[in-house]
Amino acid sequence: MDKIQSIKQRFEIIGNDLQLNRAIGKAVRVSPTDISVLVTGESGVGKESIPRIIHQLSLRKHGKFIAVNCGAIPEGTIDSELFGHEKGAFTGATSTRSGYFEEADGGTIFLDEVGELPLTTQVRLLRVLENGEFLKVGSSQVQKTNVRIVAATNLDMPKAIQQGKFREDLFYRLSTVEIVLPPLRERNGDIHLLFRKFAADFAQKYKMPTVRLDELAQKLLERQQWHGNIRQLRNVAEQLSVLEQDRAIGADTLGLYLPDHNTRLPAVVPSPSGGGSDFGSEREILYKVLFDMKSDLNDLKQLTLELMNSSSTEQVRSDNEGLIQKIYGEEQNPPERLLPSRNETNSYPKKTDDNFDYAEEIEEEETLSLIDKEFELIKKALERNNGKRKAAADELGISERTLYRKIKQFDIDL
C-alpha cells in the first residue's frame, strides 16, 4: 500500500478508491515484463496515467515513450505515421520518413483510442505484436522493432468486435492484461479531493484565493453523475475559480455550474433484438432510402393499374385503403378523383335524331394581319370611289403612285 501511495504522489494521482488502487497495483506488477496491456474506461477517467506508470517502472524507462492518439490521425495517413514510408511511396512523399514504431525501438508506444484504428492498420499492428516485424509504406524490406505496446480505449470492445469494427485476434493479443479504470461517479470519496486539488491549482495559476465548498455543496458535488468524469470536474472547478468573486461556494451557486440532468438529450436507442442500429453507416442509410422509394413506386404502379382496369374509383379506394394510407400518409387525404371512371370518359351528348331543326352559326375569328387589313382598306376605297385611283389615294392618305404599286402587289381587279 505504501508503494501505491508513493506512485500516486509521483504521478499526481488523487484518490483512495479501491478500484483505482487495484488498477495501479496491476500496472506496478506488470511493468517489469513486456506483456501487452489494454487500459479500458470511460472518456475522461485518466487512462493516460497508467501507460506512463508502466513505462517509468519498466526496464525500458531509458528508452522513448511515444503517445499516439489513433483517433486524431486521418485514415489515409495513419499507416505512414505508425510505420513510416519510403520516398515516392505516394504523392507528397519527397523523402524517406521513420514511423513511430521505428522511433520507439527499445521503448514504449502508447496507442490511445486504439478502437478507432482502420481494419487494414489493425492487420499491420497484429504482425508487429506477433513477431515485431513491419513494412514501411512503399517498401518491400521487412524491418524489426523491439517495442512494448500499451493501448487504451473507451469503446465497448466486445460490441465493436461483434459489429466487425475491430479484429478479435488483435483484441486478445492487446489485452493480455486488461486494466479497468472506474468512472468518477463510482468514486464518491474522491470527488471532493479532486475538486480541492483542481481549485488549488487554478488559484495558483490565476493568482487568486482558493474557492471552498460548504457541506451542502460537497454533498451536491458527490451526487452528480459526472458523465465527463475527471475532465468535467476539472472544468467546473476552473469556472468557479475564475467567475465567482465570493470564494465560499454554496449549493445554490454550485448548482448553476452543474448540468441539468432533467434535460433529456437525443440518444440512439438500440433495437430490442440487440442487433444495433439500422443506420450503422451512411451507405446503409442511402440503401434504406432507395429501397423505400422503390417500394413506394411499385405501390403507385399497382394502384394506377387497378384504377385503369376498374370501373369504379370508390371500389378501388375501399379495396386498397391501407395502400393509399401508406402512400399519402395519415394527415393528407388522397385525391378525390385520381382518374375519371370508365362511364365518364364517353359522357358526351349522344345524337338521338338525324333531323336537325336548327342551324349552328359559326363565327370566323377576326384576323389581325396588317397585310390583310391593308388589302381590305385599298379594296374598299376603290369600290367607294368607283375605281378612281386618285380619289381612293386621297382617301387612304397615300400617293397615287403608292396606290398603283399596291394594286399591282395585291393583284386587285378594277
Protein backbone atom coordinates (compact mmCIF):
# COMPACT_ATOMS: atom_id res chain seq x y z
CA MET A 1 0.00 0.00 0.00
CA ASP A 2 2.87 2.38 0.78
CA LYS A 3 4.30 1.71 -2.69
CA ILE A 4 0.99 2.57 -4.32
CA GLN A 5 0.76 5.80 -2.32
CA SER A 6 4.26 6.80 -3.39
CA ILE A 7 3.38 6.11 -7.02
CA LYS A 8 0.25 8.28 -6.66
CA GLN A 9 2.34 11.14 -5.35
CA ARG A 10 4.95 10.68 -8.07
CA PHE A 11 2.42 10.73 -10.91
CA GLU A 12 -0.03 13.16 -9.20
CA ILE A 13 -2.89 10.70 -8.97
CA ILE A 14 -5.58 11.77 -6.49
CA GLY A 15 -7.91 9.29 -4.81
CA ASN A 16 -8.20 6.39 -2.39
CA ASP A 17 -10.83 4.34 -4.19
CA LEU A 18 -10.35 0.57 -4.01
CA GLN A 19 -10.82 0.05 -7.76
CA LEU A 20 -8.30 2.79 -8.52
CA ASN A 21 -5.76 1.25 -6.15
CA ARG A 22 -6.30 -2.17 -7.77
CA ALA A 23 -5.68 -0.70 -11.25
CA ILE A 24 -2.47 0.98 -10.10
CA GLY A 25 -1.34 -2.25 -8.40
CA LYS A 26 -1.85 -4.15 -11.67
CA ALA A 27 0.23 -1.56 -13.55
CA VAL A 28 3.05 -1.88 -10.99
CA ARG A 29 3.12 -5.67 -11.17
CA VAL A 30 3.06 -5.86 -14.96
CA SER A 31 5.60 -3.09 -15.59
CA PRO A 32 8.81 -5.23 -15.32
CA THR A 33 7.57 -7.53 -18.09
CA ASP A 34 6.97 -6.94 -21.81
CA ILE A 35 3.35 -8.05 -21.70
CA SER A 36 0.93 -6.02 -23.82
CA VAL A 37 -1.57 -4.04 -21.72
CA LEU A 38 -5.01 -2.72 -22.63
CA VAL A 39 -6.38 0.12 -20.47
CA THR A 40 -10.17 0.50 -20.64
CA GLY A 41 -12.55 3.02 -19.13
CA GLU A 42 -14.84 5.88 -19.98
CA SER A 43 -13.59 9.07 -21.56
CA GLY A 44 -12.01 11.43 -19.07
CA VAL A 45 -11.08 8.92 -16.31
CA GLY A 46 -7.33 9.44 -16.72
CA LYS A 47 -6.28 6.40 -18.76
CA GLU A 48 -3.09 8.14 -19.92
CA SER A 49 -1.56 7.85 -16.41
CA ILE A 50 -1.34 4.04 -16.48
CA PRO A 51 0.98 3.79 -19.55
CA ARG A 52 3.36 6.33 -18.00
CA ILE A 53 3.50 4.31 -14.77
CA ILE A 54 4.21 1.12 -16.72
CA HIS A 55 6.97 2.78 -18.76
CA GLN A 56 8.70 4.51 -15.85
CA LEU A 57 8.75 1.35 -13.72
CA SER A 58 9.87 -0.93 -16.57
CA LEU A 59 13.33 -1.83 -17.87
CA ARG A 60 12.59 0.40 -20.88
CA LYS A 61 12.39 3.60 -18.83
CA HIS A 62 15.53 4.97 -20.50
CA GLY A 63 14.00 4.41 -23.95
CA LYS A 64 11.49 6.60 -25.70
CA PHE A 65 7.86 6.85 -24.64
CA ILE A 66 5.65 7.88 -27.60
CA ALA A 67 1.93 8.52 -27.14
CA VAL A 68 -0.19 8.32 -30.30
CA ASN A 69 -3.85 9.35 -30.49
CA CYS A 70 -5.14 6.95 -33.14
CA GLY A 71 -8.46 8.78 -33.44
CA ALA A 72 -6.79 12.06 -34.40
CA ILE A 73 -4.83 10.72 -37.39
CA PRO A 74 -6.65 10.58 -40.77
CA GLU A 75 -7.25 7.10 -42.12
CA GLY A 76 -5.25 7.75 -45.28
CA THR A 77 -2.04 8.68 -43.45
CA ILE A 78 -2.12 6.56 -40.28
CA ASP A 79 -0.04 3.73 -41.81
CA SER A 80 2.63 6.26 -42.78
CA GLU A 81 2.59 7.80 -39.29
CA LEU A 82 2.89 4.48 -37.47
CA PHE A 83 5.22 2.54 -39.76
CA GLY A 84 6.92 5.23 -41.90
CA HIS A 85 7.17 5.48 -45.70
CA GLU A 86 9.72 5.42 -48.49
CA LYS A 87 10.45 8.30 -50.84
CA GLY A 88 7.91 8.40 -53.65
CA ALA A 89 5.51 5.98 -51.94
CA PHE A 90 2.65 8.43 -52.52
CA THR A 91 2.06 11.99 -53.66
CA GLY A 92 3.98 14.35 -51.37
CA ALA A 93 6.41 11.71 -50.07
CA THR A 94 9.52 13.68 -51.02
CA SER A 95 11.79 11.84 -48.59
CA THR A 96 12.01 8.68 -46.52
CA ARG A 97 10.37 9.00 -43.09
CA SER A 98 10.61 6.85 -39.99
CA GLY A 99 7.38 5.87 -38.26
CA TYR A 100 6.54 5.80 -34.56
CA PHE A 101 7.34 2.10 -34.22
CA GLU A 102 10.80 2.65 -35.65
CA GLU A 103 11.44 5.71 -33.46
CA ALA A 104 10.21 3.94 -30.31
CA ASP A 105 12.55 0.96 -30.78
CA GLY A 106 13.68 -0.14 -27.33
CA GLY A 107 10.97 1.92 -25.63
CA THR A 108 7.19 2.02 -25.17
CA ILE A 109 4.48 3.19 -27.53
CA PHE A 110 1.06 4.17 -26.16
CA LEU A 111 -1.81 3.77 -28.64
CA ASP A 112 -4.65 5.88 -27.29
CA GLU A 113 -8.14 5.31 -28.78
CA VAL A 114 -6.91 2.08 -30.38
CA GLY A 115 -10.50 1.15 -31.19
CA GLU A 116 -10.54 3.85 -33.89
CA LEU A 117 -7.84 2.14 -35.98
CA PRO A 118 -8.87 1.12 -39.53
CA LEU A 119 -9.07 -2.62 -40.20
CA THR A 120 -6.11 -2.52 -42.61
CA THR A 121 -3.92 -0.90 -39.96
CA GLN A 122 -5.08 -3.47 -37.41
CA VAL A 123 -3.61 -6.21 -39.61
CA ARG A 124 -0.23 -4.45 -39.66
CA LEU A 125 -0.36 -3.92 -35.88
CA LEU A 126 -1.13 -7.60 -35.31
CA ARG A 127 2.05 -8.57 -37.18
CA VAL A 128 4.12 -6.19 -35.01
CA LEU A 129 2.65 -7.74 -31.86
CA GLU A 130 3.29 -11.31 -33.02
CA ASN A 131 6.87 -11.12 -34.33
CA GLY A 132 7.98 -7.48 -34.14
CA GLU A 133 8.07 -7.06 -37.93
CA PHE A 134 6.61 -4.31 -40.10
CA LEU A 135 6.87 -2.85 -43.59
CA LYS A 136 7.17 0.81 -44.41
CA VAL A 137 4.61 2.17 -46.84
CA GLY A 138 6.04 1.67 -50.34
CA SER A 139 8.81 -0.67 -49.18
CA SER A 140 9.29 -4.42 -49.62
CA GLN A 141 12.00 -4.73 -46.98
CA VAL A 142 10.89 -6.19 -43.64
CA GLN A 143 12.11 -4.26 -40.59
CA LYS A 144 12.29 -5.39 -36.97
CA THR A 145 11.40 -3.37 -33.91
CA ASN A 146 11.63 -4.08 -30.19
CA VAL A 147 8.83 -2.04 -28.68
CA ARG A 148 6.30 -2.52 -25.93
CA ILE A 149 2.70 -1.64 -26.80
CA VAL A 150 0.23 -0.25 -24.27
CA ALA A 151 -3.19 0.54 -25.70
CA ALA A 152 -6.25 2.35 -24.33
CA THR A 153 -9.84 2.70 -25.46
CA ASN A 154 -13.20 3.90 -24.20
CA LEU A 155 -15.18 1.65 -26.56
CA ASP A 156 -17.09 -1.48 -25.68
CA MET A 157 -14.64 -3.84 -27.38
CA PRO A 158 -16.84 -6.99 -27.46
CA LYS A 159 -19.55 -4.93 -29.14
CA ALA A 160 -17.05 -3.45 -31.63
CA ILE A 161 -15.86 -6.97 -32.47
CA GLN A 162 -19.46 -8.13 -32.98
CA GLN A 163 -20.10 -5.21 -35.35
CA GLY A 164 -16.94 -6.02 -37.34
CA LYS A 165 -15.15 -2.77 -36.43
CA PHE A 166 -12.29 -4.43 -34.53
CA ARG A 167 -10.42 -7.69 -35.09
CA GLU A 168 -11.00 -10.30 -32.43
CA ASP A 169 -7.46 -11.74 -32.70
CA LEU A 170 -5.94 -8.28 -32.23
CA PHE A 171 -8.11 -7.67 -29.17
CA TYR A 172 -6.89 -10.85 -27.45
CA ARG A 173 -3.30 -10.00 -28.43
CA LEU A 174 -3.54 -6.49 -26.96
CA SER A 175 -5.46 -7.43 -23.81
CA THR A 176 -3.01 -9.93 -22.35
CA VAL A 177 -3.51 -7.84 -19.22
CA GLU A 178 -6.55 -5.57 -19.06
CA ILE A 179 -6.63 -2.70 -16.59
CA VAL A 180 -10.04 -1.13 -15.98
CA LEU A 181 -10.28 2.39 -14.54
CA PRO A 182 -13.54 3.17 -12.70
CA PRO A 183 -15.70 6.18 -13.67
CA LEU A 184 -15.78 9.16 -11.31
CA ARG A 185 -19.40 8.51 -10.22
CA GLU A 186 -18.20 5.26 -8.61
CA ARG A 187 -15.53 7.13 -6.62
CA ASN A 188 -17.68 9.29 -4.36
CA GLY A 189 -14.99 9.64 -1.73
CA ASP A 190 -12.51 11.00 -4.27
CA ILE A 191 -14.71 13.68 -5.87
CA HIS A 192 -14.16 16.38 -3.24
CA LEU A 193 -10.45 15.54 -3.00
CA LEU A 194 -10.08 16.05 -6.76
CA PHE A 195 -12.06 19.29 -6.61
CA ARG A 196 -9.81 20.69 -3.89
CA LYS A 197 -6.71 19.74 -5.93
CA PHE A 198 -8.04 21.44 -9.05
CA ALA A 199 -9.17 24.52 -7.09
CA ALA A 200 -5.69 24.90 -5.55
CA ASP A 201 -4.01 24.51 -8.96
CA PHE A 202 -6.22 27.17 -10.57
CA ALA A 203 -5.79 29.53 -7.62
CA GLN A 204 -2.04 29.34 -8.13
CA LYS A 205 -2.36 29.66 -11.89
CA TYR A 206 -4.63 32.72 -11.84
CA LYS A 207 -3.11 34.21 -8.64
CA MET A 208 -6.32 34.38 -6.61
CA PRO A 209 -7.64 32.81 -3.37
CA THR A 210 -8.80 29.19 -3.48
CA VAL A 211 -12.54 28.52 -3.72
CA ARG A 212 -14.05 26.34 -1.00
CA LEU A 213 -17.30 24.39 -0.87
CA ASP A 214 -19.61 24.28 2.14
CA GLU A 215 -21.09 20.99 3.39
CA LEU A 216 -24.24 21.17 1.24
CA ALA A 217 -22.21 21.98 -1.86
CA GLN A 218 -19.95 18.99 -1.18
CA LYS A 219 -22.95 16.66 -0.98
CA LEU A 220 -24.36 18.13 -4.20
CA LEU A 221 -20.99 17.60 -5.89
CA GLU A 222 -20.92 13.94 -4.88
CA ARG A 223 -24.48 13.30 -6.10
CA GLN A 224 -23.67 14.25 -9.67
CA GLN A 225 -23.27 11.56 -12.33
CA TRP A 226 -20.19 13.19 -13.95
CA HIS A 227 -20.59 11.70 -17.41
CA GLY A 228 -17.44 13.62 -18.43
CA ASN A 229 -15.62 12.20 -15.38
CA ILE A 230 -12.46 13.95 -14.12
CA ARG A 231 -12.28 16.24 -17.15
CA GLN A 232 -15.77 17.59 -16.43
CA LEU A 233 -15.00 18.09 -12.72
CA ARG A 234 -11.85 20.00 -13.64
CA ASN A 235 -13.84 22.32 -15.92
CA VAL A 236 -16.35 23.07 -13.12
CA ALA A 237 -13.53 23.88 -10.70
CA GLU A 238 -11.93 26.22 -13.25
CA GLN A 239 -15.21 28.03 -13.95
CA LEU A 240 -15.85 28.60 -10.24
CA SER A 241 -12.28 29.82 -9.69
CA VAL A 242 -12.46 32.37 -12.50
CA LEU A 243 -16.08 33.58 -12.46
CA GLU A 244 -17.08 33.68 -8.77
CA GLN A 245 -15.95 36.63 -6.67
CA ASP A 246 -17.06 35.03 -3.40
CA ARG A 247 -14.55 32.31 -2.55
CA ALA A 248 -17.05 30.43 -0.31
CA ILE A 249 -19.28 28.44 -2.65
CA GLY A 250 -22.71 27.26 -1.54
CA ALA A 251 -25.01 24.64 -3.03
CA ASP A 252 -27.12 27.23 -4.88
CA THR A 253 -24.08 28.77 -6.53
CA LEU A 254 -22.58 25.38 -7.38
CA GLY A 255 -25.86 24.26 -8.94
CA LEU A 256 -25.56 26.99 -11.56
CA TYR A 257 -22.41 25.33 -12.92
CA LEU A 258 -23.65 21.75 -12.88
CA PRO A 259 -25.54 20.22 -15.81
CA ASP A 260 -29.30 19.82 -15.58
CA HIS A 261 -29.89 16.08 -15.75
CA ASN A 262 -33.63 16.56 -16.10
CA THR A 263 -32.96 17.67 -19.65
CA ARG A 264 -33.13 14.70 -21.95
CA LEU A 265 -30.72 14.89 -24.86
CA PRO A 266 -31.24 12.95 -28.10
CA ALA A 267 -29.91 9.42 -27.95
CA VAL A 268 -29.70 6.39 -30.22
CA VAL A 269 -31.92 3.65 -28.79
CA PRO A 270 -30.75 0.13 -29.70
CA SER A 271 -33.24 -2.24 -31.25
CA PRO A 272 -34.87 -4.85 -28.98
CA SER A 273 -33.21 -7.65 -30.94
CA GLY A 274 -29.81 -6.37 -29.86
CA GLY A 275 -28.58 -6.12 -33.42
CA GLY A 276 -27.66 -2.47 -33.10
CA SER A 277 -29.00 0.47 -35.05
CA ASP A 278 -30.34 0.12 -38.58
CA PHE A 279 -28.22 3.10 -39.54
CA GLY A 280 -24.72 1.79 -38.95
CA SER A 281 -23.26 3.88 -41.75
CA GLU A 282 -24.20 6.48 -44.33
CA ARG A 283 -24.21 3.80 -47.02
CA GLU A 284 -26.84 1.81 -45.14
CA ILE A 285 -28.98 4.94 -44.79
CA LEU A 286 -28.82 5.58 -48.54
CA TYR A 287 -29.66 1.97 -49.31
CA LYS A 288 -32.65 2.09 -46.99
CA VAL A 289 -33.96 5.31 -48.57
CA LEU A 290 -33.57 3.87 -52.08
CA PHE A 291 -35.36 0.64 -51.16
CA ASP A 292 -38.21 2.63 -49.56
CA MET A 293 -38.55 4.76 -52.71
CA LYS A 294 -38.60 1.64 -54.89
CA SER A 295 -41.31 0.09 -52.71
CA ASP A 296 -43.46 3.27 -52.89
CA LEU A 297 -43.04 3.39 -56.67
CA ASN A 298 -44.18 -0.23 -57.03
CA ASP A 299 -47.20 0.53 -54.84
CA LEU A 300 -48.11 3.50 -57.03
CA LYS A 301 -47.81 1.35 -60.17
CA GLN A 302 -50.11 -1.26 -58.66
CA LEU A 303 -52.67 1.36 -57.63
CA THR A 304 -52.63 3.04 -61.06
CA LEU A 305 -53.10 -0.29 -62.85
CA GLU A 306 -56.11 -1.15 -60.70
CA LEU A 307 -57.64 2.29 -61.38
CA MET A 308 -57.23 1.81 -65.13
CA ASN A 309 -58.79 -1.66 -65.06
CA SER A 310 -61.64 -0.79 -62.71
CA SER A 311 -64.89 0.98 -63.49
CA SER A 312 -65.32 2.45 -60.01
CA THR A 313 -62.80 4.54 -58.10
CA GLU A 314 -64.74 4.02 -54.88
CA GLN A 315 -64.28 0.26 -55.19
CA VAL A 316 -60.52 0.69 -55.74
CA ARG A 317 -60.29 3.05 -52.76
CA SER A 318 -62.05 0.62 -50.42
CA ASP A 319 -60.01 -2.38 -51.62
CA ASN A 320 -56.67 -0.53 -51.26
CA GLU A 321 -57.32 1.64 -48.23
CA GLY A 322 -54.11 0.53 -46.49
CA LEU A 323 -52.01 1.11 -49.59
CA ILE A 324 -53.41 4.62 -50.13
CA GLN A 325 -52.83 5.42 -46.45
CA LYS A 326 -49.21 4.30 -46.77
CA ILE A 327 -48.56 6.41 -49.87
CA TYR A 328 -50.34 9.62 -48.86
CA GLY A 329 -49.80 9.45 -45.10
CA GLU A 330 -52.21 9.86 -42.23
CA GLU A 331 -52.93 13.59 -42.39
CA GLN A 332 -53.03 14.07 -46.14
CA ASN A 333 -56.17 12.75 -47.83
CA PRO A 334 -55.78 11.03 -51.20
CA PRO A 335 -57.02 12.91 -54.25
CA GLU A 336 -60.77 12.74 -54.70
CA ARG A 337 -60.51 11.90 -58.38
CA LEU A 338 -57.39 10.07 -59.49
CA LEU A 339 -58.79 9.05 -62.91
CA PRO A 340 -62.19 9.51 -64.50
CA SER A 341 -64.34 6.44 -64.37
CA ARG A 342 -64.99 4.45 -67.49
CA ASN A 343 -68.62 5.63 -67.58
CA GLU A 344 -67.49 9.25 -67.56
CA THR A 345 -64.95 9.02 -70.34
CA ASN A 346 -67.67 8.96 -73.02
CA SER A 347 -70.19 11.23 -71.32
CA TYR A 348 -70.71 13.46 -74.36
CA PRO A 349 -74.29 14.11 -75.58
CA LYS A 350 -75.41 11.45 -77.99
CA LYS A 351 -77.40 12.08 -81.17
CA THR A 352 -80.97 10.85 -80.86
CA ASP A 353 -82.27 12.12 -84.18
CA ASP A 354 -80.62 12.72 -87.51
CA ASN A 355 -83.02 15.60 -88.38
CA PHE A 356 -81.80 18.94 -87.08
CA ASP A 357 -84.21 21.84 -86.75
CA TYR A 358 -81.54 24.40 -86.06
CA ALA A 359 -78.51 25.77 -87.81
CA GLU A 360 -75.32 26.34 -85.99
CA GLU A 361 -73.80 29.73 -86.66
CA ILE A 362 -70.03 29.70 -86.80
CA GLU A 363 -68.22 32.95 -86.33
CA GLU A 364 -64.92 33.34 -88.06
CA GLU A 365 -62.11 34.58 -85.97
CA GLU A 366 -61.09 38.11 -86.86
CA THR A 367 -57.66 38.31 -88.44
CA LEU A 368 -55.04 40.67 -87.07
CA SER A 369 -52.65 40.55 -90.04
CA LEU A 370 -51.55 44.01 -91.28
CA ILE A 371 -51.29 42.80 -94.88
CA ASP A 372 -54.87 41.51 -94.85
CA LYS A 373 -56.14 44.77 -93.34
CA GLU A 374 -54.22 46.81 -95.93
CA PHE A 375 -55.72 44.73 -98.75
CA GLU A 376 -59.26 45.24 -97.39
CA LEU A 377 -58.88 49.02 -96.98
CA ILE A 378 -57.50 49.51 -100.52
CA LYS A 379 -60.27 47.40 -102.00
CA LYS A 380 -62.99 49.30 -100.09
CA ALA A 381 -61.55 52.68 -101.06
CA LEU A 382 -61.51 51.73 -104.75
CA GLU A 383 -65.05 50.39 -104.61
CA ARG A 384 -66.28 53.55 -102.83
CA ASN A 385 -64.69 55.82 -105.45
CA ASN A 386 -65.80 53.68 -108.41
CA GLY A 387 -62.26 52.63 -109.29
CA LYS A 388 -60.82 56.15 -109.40
CA ARG A 389 -57.27 55.77 -108.15
CA LYS A 390 -56.63 59.48 -107.43
CA ALA A 391 -59.71 59.80 -105.18
CA ALA A 392 -59.01 56.49 -103.48
CA ALA A 393 -55.38 57.55 -102.82
CA ASP A 394 -56.53 60.83 -101.28
CA GLU A 395 -58.96 58.96 -99.03
CA LEU A 396 -56.30 56.49 -97.93
CA GLY A 397 -53.75 59.27 -97.35
CA ILE A 398 -51.13 57.85 -99.71
CA SER A 399 -49.76 58.95 -103.09
CA GLU A 400 -51.32 57.72 -106.33
CA ARG A 401 -48.04 56.06 -107.25
CA THR A 402 -48.01 54.09 -103.98
CA LEU A 403 -51.60 53.03 -104.53
CA TYR A 404 -50.74 51.83 -108.03
CA ARG A 405 -47.87 49.75 -106.65
CA LYS A 406 -50.15 48.23 -104.01
CA ILE A 407 -52.77 47.35 -106.66
CA LYS A 408 -50.10 45.51 -108.62
CA GLN A 409 -48.84 43.82 -105.41
CA PHE A 410 -52.24 42.51 -104.32
CA ASP A 411 -53.40 41.89 -107.93
CA ILE A 412 -56.65 43.85 -107.47
CA ASP A 413 -59.03 43.92 -110.44
CA LEU A 414 -60.52 47.33 -111.15
